[in-house]
N, C-alpha and C. Protein backbone atom coordinates (compact mmCIF):
# COMPACT_ATOMS: atom_id res chain seq x y z
N MET A 1 1.09 -1.10 -0.20
CA MET A 1 -0.03 0.05 -0.15
C MET A 1 0.84 1.09 0.26
N PHE A 2 1.80 1.30 1.20
CA PHE A 2 2.73 2.44 1.15
C PHE A 2 3.55 2.64 -0.17
N ASP A 3 3.94 1.46 -0.66
CA ASP A 3 4.70 1.42 -1.74
C ASP A 3 4.07 2.04 -3.11
N LYS A 4 2.87 1.50 -3.32
CA LYS A 4 2.20 1.84 -4.28
C LYS A 4 1.97 3.38 -4.37
N LEU A 5 1.45 4.33 -2.74
CA LEU A 5 1.50 5.69 -2.52
C LEU A 5 2.85 6.34 -3.18
N THR A 6 3.70 5.66 -2.66
CA THR A 6 5.19 6.18 -2.86
C THR A 6 5.52 6.63 -4.52
N GLN A 7 4.89 5.31 -5.18
CA GLN A 7 5.29 5.57 -6.65
C GLN A 7 4.04 6.38 -7.39
N ALA A 8 3.34 6.41 -6.61
CA ALA A 8 2.43 7.60 -7.37
C ALA A 8 2.61 8.92 -7.07
N VAL A 9 3.46 9.14 -5.86
CA VAL A 9 3.59 10.85 -5.72
C VAL A 9 4.97 10.80 -6.21
N THR A 10 5.82 9.71 -6.67
CA THR A 10 7.02 9.92 -7.37
C THR A 10 6.62 10.36 -8.70
N ARG A 11 5.70 9.51 -9.16
CA ARG A 11 4.95 9.74 -10.62
C ARG A 11 4.53 11.17 -11.01
N LEU A 12 3.82 11.70 -9.63
CA LEU A 12 3.41 13.15 -9.95
C LEU A 12 4.42 14.25 -9.81
N LEU A 13 5.33 13.82 -8.93
CA LEU A 13 6.67 14.90 -9.02
C LEU A 13 7.31 14.75 -9.98
N GLU A 14 7.41 13.60 -10.99
CA GLU A 14 7.91 13.81 -12.59
C GLU A 14 7.22 14.56 -13.06
N ILE A 15 5.56 14.28 -13.30
CA ILE A 15 4.88 15.13 -14.01
C ILE A 15 4.98 16.51 -13.90
N LEU A 16 4.85 17.15 -12.64
CA LEU A 16 5.05 18.67 -12.15
C LEU A 16 6.15 19.12 -12.82
N LEU A 17 7.27 18.04 -12.56
CA LEU A 17 8.53 18.80 -13.20
C LEU A 17 8.67 18.86 -14.54
N VAL A 18 8.18 18.10 -15.29
CA VAL A 18 8.21 18.33 -16.84
C VAL A 18 7.34 19.38 -17.18
N ALA A 19 6.26 19.51 -16.42
CA ALA A 19 5.12 20.57 -16.95
C ALA A 19 6.05 21.64 -16.29
N SER A 20 6.56 21.92 -15.35
CA SER A 20 7.09 23.15 -15.08
C SER A 20 8.33 23.41 -16.19
N LEU A 21 9.05 22.62 -16.21
CA LEU A 21 10.12 22.83 -17.06
C LEU A 21 9.52 23.23 -18.40
N GLY A 22 8.62 22.54 -19.07
CA GLY A 22 8.02 22.83 -20.34
C GLY A 22 7.53 24.35 -20.23
N LEU A 23 6.79 24.63 -19.24
CA LEU A 23 6.37 25.79 -19.14
C LEU A 23 7.50 27.23 -18.97
N MET A 24 8.57 26.69 -18.50
CA MET A 24 9.56 27.86 -18.14
C MET A 24 10.37 27.85 -19.51
N ALA A 25 10.33 26.99 -20.42
CA ALA A 25 11.04 26.89 -21.81
C ALA A 25 10.21 27.92 -22.42
N LEU A 26 9.21 27.47 -22.32
CA LEU A 26 8.03 28.35 -23.23
C LEU A 26 8.12 29.91 -22.89
N LEU A 27 7.98 30.10 -21.75
CA LEU A 27 7.96 31.75 -21.43
C LEU A 27 9.49 32.29 -21.67
N VAL A 28 10.22 31.73 -21.58
CA VAL A 28 11.46 32.17 -21.55
C VAL A 28 11.85 32.30 -23.07
N PHE A 29 11.87 31.53 -23.87
CA PHE A 29 11.99 31.58 -25.40
C PHE A 29 10.65 32.32 -26.13
N GLY A 30 9.62 31.97 -25.69
CA GLY A 30 8.50 33.07 -26.16
C GLY A 30 8.96 34.49 -26.09
N ASN A 31 9.34 34.75 -24.81
CA ASN A 31 9.47 36.12 -24.36
C ASN A 31 10.84 36.51 -25.14
N VAL A 32 11.85 36.00 -25.61
CA VAL A 32 12.61 36.50 -26.39
C VAL A 32 12.43 36.67 -27.95
N VAL A 33 11.59 35.84 -28.20
CA VAL A 33 10.98 35.96 -29.83
C VAL A 33 10.33 37.15 -30.24
N LEU A 34 9.44 37.27 -29.04
CA LEU A 34 8.47 38.60 -28.99
C LEU A 34 9.31 39.68 -29.03
N ARG A 35 10.18 39.75 -28.08
CA ARG A 35 11.07 41.07 -27.80
C ARG A 35 11.77 41.49 -29.00
N TYR A 36 12.55 40.19 -29.47
CA TYR A 36 13.58 40.73 -30.80
C TYR A 36 12.57 40.88 -31.95
N ALA A 37 11.67 39.79 -32.27
CA ALA A 37 10.94 40.02 -33.59
C ALA A 37 9.65 40.79 -33.68
N PHE A 38 9.08 40.90 -32.33
CA PHE A 38 7.82 41.83 -32.36
C PHE A 38 8.18 43.05 -31.83
N ASP A 39 9.36 43.41 -30.88
CA ASP A 39 9.17 44.78 -29.96
C ASP A 39 8.26 44.49 -29.06
N SER A 40 8.03 43.33 -28.38
CA SER A 40 6.91 43.14 -27.44
C SER A 40 7.87 42.01 -26.38
N GLY A 41 6.73 41.75 -25.62
CA GLY A 41 7.19 41.06 -24.67
C GLY A 41 5.98 40.47 -23.58
N LEU A 42 6.14 39.30 -22.73
CA LEU A 42 5.27 39.39 -21.60
C LEU A 42 6.03 39.46 -20.29
N ALA A 43 5.14 40.46 -19.73
CA ALA A 43 5.37 41.12 -18.60
C ALA A 43 5.62 39.99 -17.42
N VAL A 44 5.00 39.24 -17.48
CA VAL A 44 4.91 38.10 -16.32
C VAL A 44 6.03 36.99 -16.67
N SER A 45 6.41 36.88 -17.55
CA SER A 45 7.50 36.06 -18.02
C SER A 45 8.56 35.86 -16.91
N GLU A 46 9.30 36.92 -16.90
CA GLU A 46 10.34 37.06 -15.88
C GLU A 46 10.25 36.31 -14.64
N GLU A 47 9.10 36.89 -13.88
CA GLU A 47 8.74 36.47 -12.31
C GLU A 47 8.33 34.95 -12.37
N LEU A 48 7.29 34.87 -13.33
CA LEU A 48 6.53 33.54 -13.20
C LEU A 48 7.69 32.61 -13.59
N ALA A 49 8.80 32.45 -14.41
CA ALA A 49 9.79 31.79 -14.90
C ALA A 49 10.77 31.75 -13.63
N ARG A 50 11.04 32.64 -12.88
CA ARG A 50 11.72 32.37 -11.64
C ARG A 50 11.20 31.74 -10.40
N LEU A 51 9.81 32.00 -10.58
CA LEU A 51 9.21 31.29 -9.33
C LEU A 51 9.23 29.73 -9.51
N LEU A 52 8.93 29.39 -10.77
CA LEU A 52 9.15 28.04 -11.38
C LEU A 52 10.22 27.49 -11.12
N PHE A 53 11.07 28.25 -11.31
CA PHE A 53 12.48 27.53 -11.17
C PHE A 53 13.03 27.22 -9.95
N VAL A 54 12.55 28.19 -8.83
CA VAL A 54 12.73 27.66 -7.47
C VAL A 54 12.01 26.27 -7.06
N TRP A 55 10.99 26.15 -7.51
CA TRP A 55 10.11 25.11 -7.21
C TRP A 55 10.93 23.85 -7.72
N VAL A 56 11.00 23.91 -9.03
CA VAL A 56 11.58 22.97 -9.90
C VAL A 56 13.01 22.46 -8.99
N VAL A 57 13.88 23.34 -8.65
CA VAL A 57 14.88 22.51 -7.99
C VAL A 57 14.56 22.05 -6.75
N PHE A 58 13.76 22.44 -6.03
CA PHE A 58 13.65 22.01 -4.58
C PHE A 58 12.75 20.47 -5.11
N LEU A 59 11.73 20.79 -5.78
CA LEU A 59 10.94 19.37 -6.03
C LEU A 59 11.96 18.50 -6.61
N GLY A 60 12.72 18.91 -7.44
CA GLY A 60 13.62 17.79 -8.17
C GLY A 60 14.67 17.04 -7.05
N ALA A 61 15.09 18.03 -6.03
CA ALA A 61 15.61 17.39 -5.00
C ALA A 61 15.28 16.27 -4.60
N ILE A 62 13.87 16.54 -4.16
CA ILE A 62 13.19 15.31 -3.49
C ILE A 62 13.27 14.35 -4.30
N LEU A 63 13.02 14.50 -5.61
CA LEU A 63 12.90 13.16 -6.58
C LEU A 63 14.13 12.44 -6.77
N ALA A 64 15.35 13.45 -6.72
CA ALA A 64 16.64 12.95 -6.87
C ALA A 64 16.73 11.95 -5.59
N SER A 65 16.25 12.31 -4.59
CA SER A 65 16.50 11.68 -3.01
C SER A 65 15.46 10.15 -3.14
N ARG A 66 14.65 10.41 -4.03
CA ARG A 66 13.63 8.99 -4.14
C ARG A 66 14.45 8.05 -5.12
N GLU A 67 15.16 8.66 -6.09
CA GLU A 67 15.86 7.80 -7.01
C GLU A 67 17.32 7.51 -6.74
N HIS A 68 17.96 8.06 -5.43
CA HIS A 68 19.14 7.89 -4.83
C HIS A 68 20.23 8.55 -6.02
N ALA A 69 19.74 9.73 -6.61
CA ALA A 69 20.16 10.27 -7.70
C ALA A 69 21.47 11.03 -6.93
N HIS A 70 21.29 11.56 -5.57
CA HIS A 70 22.28 12.58 -5.03
C HIS A 70 23.43 12.16 -5.11
N LEU A 71 24.53 13.62 -5.28
CA LEU A 71 26.10 12.91 -4.93
C LEU A 71 26.23 12.65 -3.88
N GLY A 72 27.26 11.68 -3.81
CA GLY A 72 27.56 11.00 -2.03
C GLY A 72 29.12 10.91 -2.17
N LEU A 73 29.44 10.35 -1.12
CA LEU A 73 30.91 9.58 -0.88
C LEU A 73 30.56 8.15 -0.16
N ASP A 74 30.76 7.41 -1.06
CA ASP A 74 30.34 6.01 -0.53
C ASP A 74 31.43 4.88 -0.17
N SER A 75 32.77 5.53 -0.73
CA SER A 75 33.92 4.48 -0.80
C SER A 75 34.07 3.69 0.64
N VAL A 76 33.60 4.49 1.72
CA VAL A 76 33.70 3.61 3.34
C VAL A 76 32.52 2.82 3.26
N VAL A 77 31.50 3.22 3.06
CA VAL A 77 30.27 2.89 3.34
C VAL A 77 30.12 1.37 2.67
N ARG A 78 30.74 1.00 1.18
CA ARG A 78 30.79 0.01 0.23
C ARG A 78 31.49 -1.09 1.20
N ARG A 79 32.68 -0.60 1.90
CA ARG A 79 33.52 -1.75 2.54
C ARG A 79 32.81 -2.17 3.80
N LEU A 80 31.89 -1.75 4.42
CA LEU A 80 31.52 -2.17 5.77
C LEU A 80 30.58 -2.97 5.86
N PRO A 81 30.55 -4.16 6.75
CA PRO A 81 29.49 -5.05 6.55
C PRO A 81 27.96 -4.97 6.36
N VAL A 82 27.15 -5.53 6.36
CA VAL A 82 25.49 -5.27 6.54
C VAL A 82 25.33 -4.60 7.51
N PHE A 83 25.40 -4.80 8.98
CA PHE A 83 24.84 -4.27 10.21
C PHE A 83 25.24 -2.73 9.87
N TRP A 84 26.63 -2.45 9.85
CA TRP A 84 27.19 -1.08 9.69
C TRP A 84 26.73 -0.54 8.60
N LYS A 85 26.12 -0.98 7.55
CA LYS A 85 25.73 0.14 6.56
C LYS A 85 24.31 0.56 6.86
N LYS A 86 23.63 -0.47 7.69
CA LYS A 86 22.48 0.23 8.20
C LYS A 86 22.86 1.05 9.49
N VAL A 87 23.63 1.14 9.95
CA VAL A 87 24.02 1.96 11.21
C VAL A 87 24.02 3.05 10.38
N CYS A 88 24.92 3.35 9.30
CA CYS A 88 25.18 4.71 8.61
C CYS A 88 23.87 5.37 8.01
N ILE A 89 23.09 4.40 7.66
CA ILE A 89 21.71 4.82 6.94
C ILE A 89 20.61 5.56 7.96
N VAL A 90 21.04 4.91 9.32
CA VAL A 90 20.06 5.53 10.26
C VAL A 90 20.81 6.70 10.83
N VAL A 91 22.11 6.72 11.23
CA VAL A 91 22.86 7.82 11.42
C VAL A 91 22.67 9.20 10.39
N THR A 92 23.09 8.96 9.11
CA THR A 92 22.91 9.86 8.33
C THR A 92 21.14 10.24 8.01
N GLY A 93 20.42 9.66 8.34
CA GLY A 93 19.06 9.65 8.25
C GLY A 93 18.53 10.90 8.98
N VAL A 94 19.05 10.78 10.42
CA VAL A 94 18.69 11.50 11.41
C VAL A 94 19.36 12.68 11.19
N MET A 95 20.65 12.60 11.04
CA MET A 95 21.20 14.32 10.68
C MET A 95 20.34 14.89 9.49
N MET A 96 20.12 14.11 8.37
CA MET A 96 19.42 14.94 7.20
C MET A 96 17.79 15.20 7.79
N LEU A 97 17.36 14.43 8.71
CA LEU A 97 16.20 14.73 9.25
C LEU A 97 16.20 16.18 10.01
N GLY A 98 17.39 16.39 10.93
CA GLY A 98 17.27 17.61 11.51
C GLY A 98 17.44 18.77 10.35
N CYS A 99 18.40 18.76 9.06
CA CYS A 99 18.38 19.34 8.29
C CYS A 99 16.82 19.96 7.64
N CYS A 100 16.28 18.85 7.36
CA CYS A 100 14.78 19.05 6.97
C CYS A 100 13.96 20.10 7.67
N ALA A 101 14.37 19.79 9.08
CA ALA A 101 13.50 20.51 10.30
C ALA A 101 13.94 21.58 10.16
N LEU A 102 15.06 22.14 9.47
CA LEU A 102 15.57 23.45 9.64
C LEU A 102 14.84 24.45 8.72
N PHE A 103 14.85 23.42 7.48
CA PHE A 103 14.36 23.88 6.29
C PHE A 103 12.88 24.20 6.26
N VAL A 104 11.87 23.63 7.12
CA VAL A 104 10.71 23.45 7.41
C VAL A 104 10.49 24.77 8.34
N TRP A 105 11.10 25.08 8.96
CA TRP A 105 11.30 26.12 10.18
C TRP A 105 11.43 27.58 9.62
N GLY A 106 12.88 27.34 8.79
CA GLY A 106 13.06 28.45 8.11
C GLY A 106 12.18 28.78 6.92
N GLY A 107 11.70 27.69 6.24
CA GLY A 107 10.81 28.33 5.12
C GLY A 107 9.68 28.93 5.57
N TRP A 108 9.19 28.65 6.91
CA TRP A 108 7.60 28.73 7.28
C TRP A 108 7.64 30.31 7.96
N GLN A 109 9.07 30.37 8.39
CA GLN A 109 9.17 32.02 8.95
C GLN A 109 9.25 32.94 8.05
N GLN A 110 9.63 32.68 6.86
CA GLN A 110 10.10 33.35 5.54
C GLN A 110 8.61 33.52 5.01
N THR A 111 7.88 32.57 4.88
CA THR A 111 6.64 32.09 4.20
C THR A 111 5.47 33.60 5.22
N LEU A 112 5.75 33.57 6.48
CA LEU A 112 5.17 34.39 7.13
C LEU A 112 5.52 35.87 7.02
N ILE A 113 6.69 36.13 6.74
CA ILE A 113 7.14 37.52 7.21
C ILE A 113 6.99 38.14 5.48
N ASN A 114 7.18 37.19 4.62
CA ASN A 114 6.42 37.91 3.14
C ASN A 114 5.13 37.31 2.91
N ALA A 115 4.19 37.05 3.63
CA ALA A 115 2.75 36.81 3.23
C ALA A 115 2.19 38.13 2.59
N GLU A 116 2.81 39.22 3.20
CA GLU A 116 2.16 40.41 2.92
C GLU A 116 2.90 41.26 1.59
N ASN A 117 3.98 40.52 1.02
CA ASN A 117 4.57 41.52 -0.12
C ASN A 117 4.36 40.62 -1.27
N PHE A 118 4.16 41.42 -2.30
CA PHE A 118 3.48 40.65 -3.84
C PHE A 118 4.22 41.15 -4.52
N TYR A 119 4.22 40.21 -5.90
CA TYR A 119 5.18 40.49 -6.97
C TYR A 119 4.33 41.51 -7.82
N PRO A 120 5.42 42.49 -8.40
CA PRO A 120 4.71 43.64 -8.96
C PRO A 120 3.86 43.27 -10.00
N VAL A 121 3.95 42.09 -10.98
CA VAL A 121 3.34 41.60 -12.07
C VAL A 121 2.47 40.67 -12.02
N LEU A 122 2.85 39.47 -11.34
CA LEU A 122 1.91 38.19 -11.03
C LEU A 122 0.85 38.93 -9.99
N GLY A 123 1.34 39.68 -9.13
CA GLY A 123 0.17 39.86 -8.24
C GLY A 123 -0.30 39.07 -7.07
N ILE A 124 0.93 37.81 -6.93
CA ILE A 124 0.86 36.80 -5.91
C ILE A 124 1.83 36.99 -5.07
N SER A 125 1.66 36.26 -3.99
CA SER A 125 2.27 36.79 -2.27
C SER A 125 3.66 36.05 -2.68
N TYR A 126 4.75 36.79 -2.11
CA TYR A 126 6.15 36.23 -2.07
C TYR A 126 6.20 34.81 -1.37
N ALA A 127 5.18 34.89 -0.52
CA ALA A 127 5.12 33.63 0.58
C ALA A 127 5.32 32.28 -0.55
N TRP A 128 4.71 32.13 -1.81
CA TRP A 128 4.73 30.78 -2.81
C TRP A 128 6.04 30.72 -3.07
N LEU A 129 7.18 31.69 -3.18
CA LEU A 129 8.45 31.11 -3.28
C LEU A 129 8.83 30.67 -2.40
N HIS A 130 8.72 31.34 -0.90
CA HIS A 130 9.40 30.47 0.22
C HIS A 130 8.86 29.24 0.59
N ALA A 131 7.70 29.00 0.37
CA ALA A 131 6.84 27.97 0.98
C ALA A 131 7.76 26.80 0.03
N ALA A 132 8.47 27.02 -1.03
CA ALA A 132 8.90 26.03 -1.58
C ALA A 132 10.22 24.97 -0.74
N ALA A 133 10.41 25.96 0.06
CA ALA A 133 11.40 25.33 1.36
C ALA A 133 10.67 24.09 2.33
N VAL A 134 9.45 24.82 2.38
CA VAL A 134 8.63 24.34 3.44
C VAL A 134 8.09 22.48 2.95
N ALA A 135 7.78 22.92 1.20
CA ALA A 135 7.58 21.72 0.68
C ALA A 135 8.59 20.57 0.39
N PHE A 136 9.94 21.23 0.57
CA PHE A 136 11.24 20.42 0.42
C PHE A 136 11.42 19.76 1.64
N GLY A 137 11.29 20.51 2.82
CA GLY A 137 11.74 19.77 4.04
C GLY A 137 10.87 18.72 4.27
N PHE A 138 9.17 18.96 4.35
CA PHE A 138 8.57 17.81 3.79
C PHE A 138 8.50 16.70 3.54
N GLY A 139 8.71 16.96 2.11
CA GLY A 139 8.98 15.99 0.97
C GLY A 139 10.35 15.22 1.40
N MET A 140 11.53 15.72 1.64
CA MET A 140 12.43 15.16 1.87
C MET A 140 12.65 14.45 3.22
N ALA A 141 11.81 14.82 4.05
CA ALA A 141 11.88 13.99 5.28
C ALA A 141 11.30 12.59 5.33
N ILE A 142 10.01 12.92 4.17
CA ILE A 142 9.30 11.64 4.13
C ILE A 142 10.09 10.64 3.41
N SER A 143 11.09 11.07 2.33
CA SER A 143 11.86 10.29 1.56
C SER A 143 12.99 9.53 2.54
N ILE A 144 13.50 10.58 3.15
CA ILE A 144 14.50 9.67 4.34
C ILE A 144 14.07 8.65 5.15
N VAL A 145 13.05 8.90 5.56
CA VAL A 145 11.81 7.97 6.69
C VAL A 145 11.81 6.97 5.73
N TYR A 146 11.38 6.76 4.58
CA TYR A 146 11.22 5.65 4.18
C TYR A 146 12.47 4.67 3.71
N ASN A 147 13.39 5.59 3.59
CA ASN A 147 14.82 4.78 2.98
C ASN A 147 15.23 4.35 4.35
N VAL A 148 14.99 4.91 5.54
CA VAL A 148 15.39 4.22 7.07
C VAL A 148 14.78 2.94 7.10
N ILE A 149 13.29 2.77 6.92
CA ILE A 149 12.30 1.68 7.54
C ILE A 149 12.67 0.96 6.15
N ASP A 150 12.67 0.98 5.22
CA ASP A 150 13.08 -0.14 4.34
C ASP A 150 14.25 -0.45 4.38
N ALA A 151 15.54 0.07 4.63
CA ALA A 151 16.73 -0.31 5.07
C ALA A 151 16.75 -1.52 6.33
N LEU A 152 15.83 -1.00 7.22
CA LEU A 152 15.81 -1.87 8.46
C LEU A 152 14.64 -3.02 8.38
N ALA A 153 13.66 -2.64 7.62
CA ALA A 153 12.47 -3.71 7.63
C ALA A 153 12.53 -4.88 6.65
N ARG A 154 13.48 -4.66 5.58
CA ARG A 154 13.58 -5.75 4.62
C ARG A 154 14.74 -6.07 4.32
N PRO A 155 14.64 -7.32 4.20
CA PRO A 155 15.74 -8.05 3.64
C PRO A 155 16.56 -7.49 2.41
N HIS A 156 17.96 -7.10 2.44
CA HIS A 156 18.63 -6.26 1.00
C HIS A 156 20.16 -7.31 0.99
N ALA A 157 20.51 -7.22 -0.14
CA ALA A 157 21.98 -7.50 -0.50
C ALA A 157 22.79 -6.32 0.15
N ALA A 158 23.92 -6.42 0.26
CA ALA A 158 24.86 -5.52 0.83
C ALA A 158 24.93 -4.47 -0.14
N GLU A 159 25.09 -4.59 -1.22
CA GLU A 159 25.14 -3.45 -2.43
C GLU A 159 23.79 -2.80 -2.33
N ASP A 160 22.95 -3.33 -2.28
CA ASP A 160 21.58 -2.66 -2.00
C ASP A 160 21.63 -1.26 -0.74
N LEU A 161 22.43 -1.72 0.08
CA LEU A 161 22.01 -0.88 1.16
C LEU A 161 23.05 0.42 1.08
N VAL A 162 23.62 0.65 0.01
CA VAL A 162 24.71 1.97 -0.65
C VAL A 162 23.71 2.78 -1.51
N LEU A 163 22.91 3.82 -0.65
CA LEU A 163 21.75 4.55 -1.02
C LEU A 163 22.47 5.64 -2.17
N ILE A 164 23.42 5.48 -2.69
CA ILE A 164 23.95 6.36 -3.95
C ILE A 164 24.06 5.17 -5.12
N ARG A 165 23.56 5.76 -6.52
CA ARG A 165 24.05 4.97 -7.64
C ARG A 165 24.78 5.64 -8.41
N GLU A 166 25.84 4.70 -9.10
CA GLU A 166 26.94 5.14 -9.82
C GLU A 166 26.29 5.78 -11.18
N MET A 167 26.60 6.75 -11.94
CA MET A 167 26.30 7.36 -12.82
C MET A 167 25.99 6.17 -14.30
N GLU A 168 27.20 5.23 -14.10
CA GLU A 168 27.22 4.06 -15.06
C GLU A 168 25.98 2.91 -14.87
N ASP A 169 25.55 2.83 -13.51
CA ASP A 169 24.35 1.87 -12.95
C ASP A 169 23.19 2.70 -13.32
N ARG A 170 23.09 3.90 -13.34
CA ARG A 170 21.60 4.64 -13.63
C ARG A 170 21.71 4.28 -15.16
N VAL A 171 22.88 4.82 -15.90
CA VAL A 171 22.88 5.00 -17.30
C VAL A 171 22.29 3.73 -17.73
N GLY A 172 23.00 2.53 -17.43
CA GLY A 172 22.50 0.95 -17.56
C GLY A 172 21.27 0.83 -17.33
N GLU A 173 20.55 1.13 -16.18
CA GLU A 173 19.29 0.75 -16.01
C GLU A 173 18.16 1.56 -17.01
N GLU A 174 18.45 3.05 -17.23
CA GLU A 174 17.51 3.60 -17.91
C GLU A 174 17.90 2.82 -19.60
N MET A 175 18.72 2.61 -19.90
CA MET A 175 19.20 2.07 -21.25
C MET A 175 18.13 0.65 -21.20
N GLY A 176 18.53 -0.16 -20.20
CA GLY A 176 17.57 -1.63 -20.07
C GLY A 176 15.91 -1.07 -20.46
N ASN A 177 15.52 0.05 -19.43
CA ASN A 177 14.22 0.30 -19.93
C ASN A 177 13.76 0.63 -20.89
N VAL A 178 14.70 1.35 -21.92
CA VAL A 178 14.57 1.72 -23.41
C VAL A 178 14.63 0.15 -24.10
N SER A 179 15.34 -0.34 -23.89
CA SER A 179 15.42 -1.71 -24.81
C SER A 179 14.20 -2.65 -24.41
N HIS A 180 13.89 -2.72 -23.13
CA HIS A 180 12.56 -3.23 -22.54
C HIS A 180 11.27 -2.74 -23.62
N HIS A 181 11.44 -1.56 -23.68
CA HIS A 181 9.92 -1.13 -24.75
C HIS A 181 10.36 -0.96 -26.09
N ALA A 182 11.47 -1.62 -26.46
CA ALA A 182 11.63 -1.71 -28.07
C ALA A 182 12.84 -3.24 -28.20
N PRO A 183 12.12 -3.90 -28.07
CA PRO A 183 13.01 -5.36 -28.36
C PRO A 183 13.86 -5.39 -29.62
N ASP A 184 13.10 -5.03 -30.80
CA ASP A 184 13.72 -5.36 -31.89
C ASP A 184 14.79 -3.99 -32.24
N GLU A 185 15.73 -4.08 -31.09
CA GLU A 185 16.85 -2.88 -31.41
C GLU A 185 18.00 -3.28 -32.42
N SER A 186 18.15 -2.38 -33.15
CA SER A 186 19.19 -2.12 -34.05
C SER A 186 20.72 -2.55 -33.78
N ARG A 187 21.16 -2.73 -34.68
CA ARG A 187 22.90 -2.72 -34.16
C ARG A 187 23.37 -1.27 -34.08
N THR A 188 23.11 -0.32 -34.53
CA THR A 188 23.39 1.12 -34.54
C THR A 188 22.99 1.67 -32.97
N ALA A 189 21.74 0.93 -32.64
CA ALA A 189 21.19 1.36 -31.52
C ALA A 189 22.15 0.78 -30.45
N ARG A 190 22.30 -0.58 -30.23
CA ARG A 190 23.04 -1.11 -29.53
C ARG A 190 24.64 -0.54 -29.34
N ALA A 191 24.94 -0.41 -30.19
CA ALA A 191 26.45 0.45 -30.54
C ALA A 191 26.60 1.71 -29.62
N SER A 192 25.26 2.70 -29.78
CA SER A 192 25.31 3.88 -29.23
C SER A 192 25.04 3.74 -27.79
N ARG A 193 24.36 2.55 -27.15
CA ARG A 193 24.08 2.41 -25.89
C ARG A 193 25.27 2.02 -25.41
N ALA A 194 26.39 1.15 -25.98
CA ALA A 194 27.73 0.64 -25.35
C ALA A 194 28.38 1.91 -25.18
N GLN A 195 28.60 2.88 -26.50
CA GLN A 195 29.40 3.85 -26.39
C GLN A 195 28.55 5.14 -25.16
N LEU A 196 27.58 5.37 -24.97
CA LEU A 196 27.36 5.80 -23.64
C LEU A 196 27.50 5.13 -22.33
N ALA A 197 27.42 4.12 -22.35
CA ALA A 197 27.95 3.41 -21.11
C ALA A 197 29.42 3.58 -20.97
N GLU A 198 30.15 3.48 -21.72
CA GLU A 198 31.80 4.10 -21.91
C GLU A 198 31.84 5.28 -21.13
N VAL A 199 31.03 6.21 -21.94
CA VAL A 199 31.46 7.47 -21.33
C VAL A 199 30.81 7.75 -20.16
N ALA A 200 29.95 7.13 -19.32
CA ALA A 200 29.60 7.56 -18.10
C ALA A 200 30.45 6.89 -17.36
N ARG A 201 31.36 5.90 -17.70
CA ARG A 201 32.61 5.50 -16.62
C ARG A 201 33.53 6.44 -16.96
């Protein structure tokens, strides 16, 4: 049940990020075209694109946490036995939860302070900008708690308890997904995939 809910939320994050990035690109590119081709422009473009960018960064960080895509140093953890790997997950999880609490508290304070300040063109409160930190704190905390519970409550192979995925592994997984949807892969496509994996190394 909880796994399905997590997958649904992850999918929702992906959709929101794609939609936000698409809208940002449309606003910025459209504004450039209007400015240089028609001596006009969208007054709302700069403010809305900036607001969307902040939300994309924070929501993207939550999604990266779910996919174990954040940068990290794992050279020591990979050499530890399973028990100590779990200890490291718990210790780092507690430390990160403390940071999440700071984000929520600080973001909420800034949200309240800026509630009466408004964007000149958009006309909405600056609280929407600072609320991204609150959403990030809660979302990241949920992801961290899930990782800790998953590591402690379920059996895992030793390599699965290193919550950092190498770029090569991520590329291989994505290429595996592509080949799964396209079983009749051409020789050129296979060569391209091999070259991509080689570059990732």
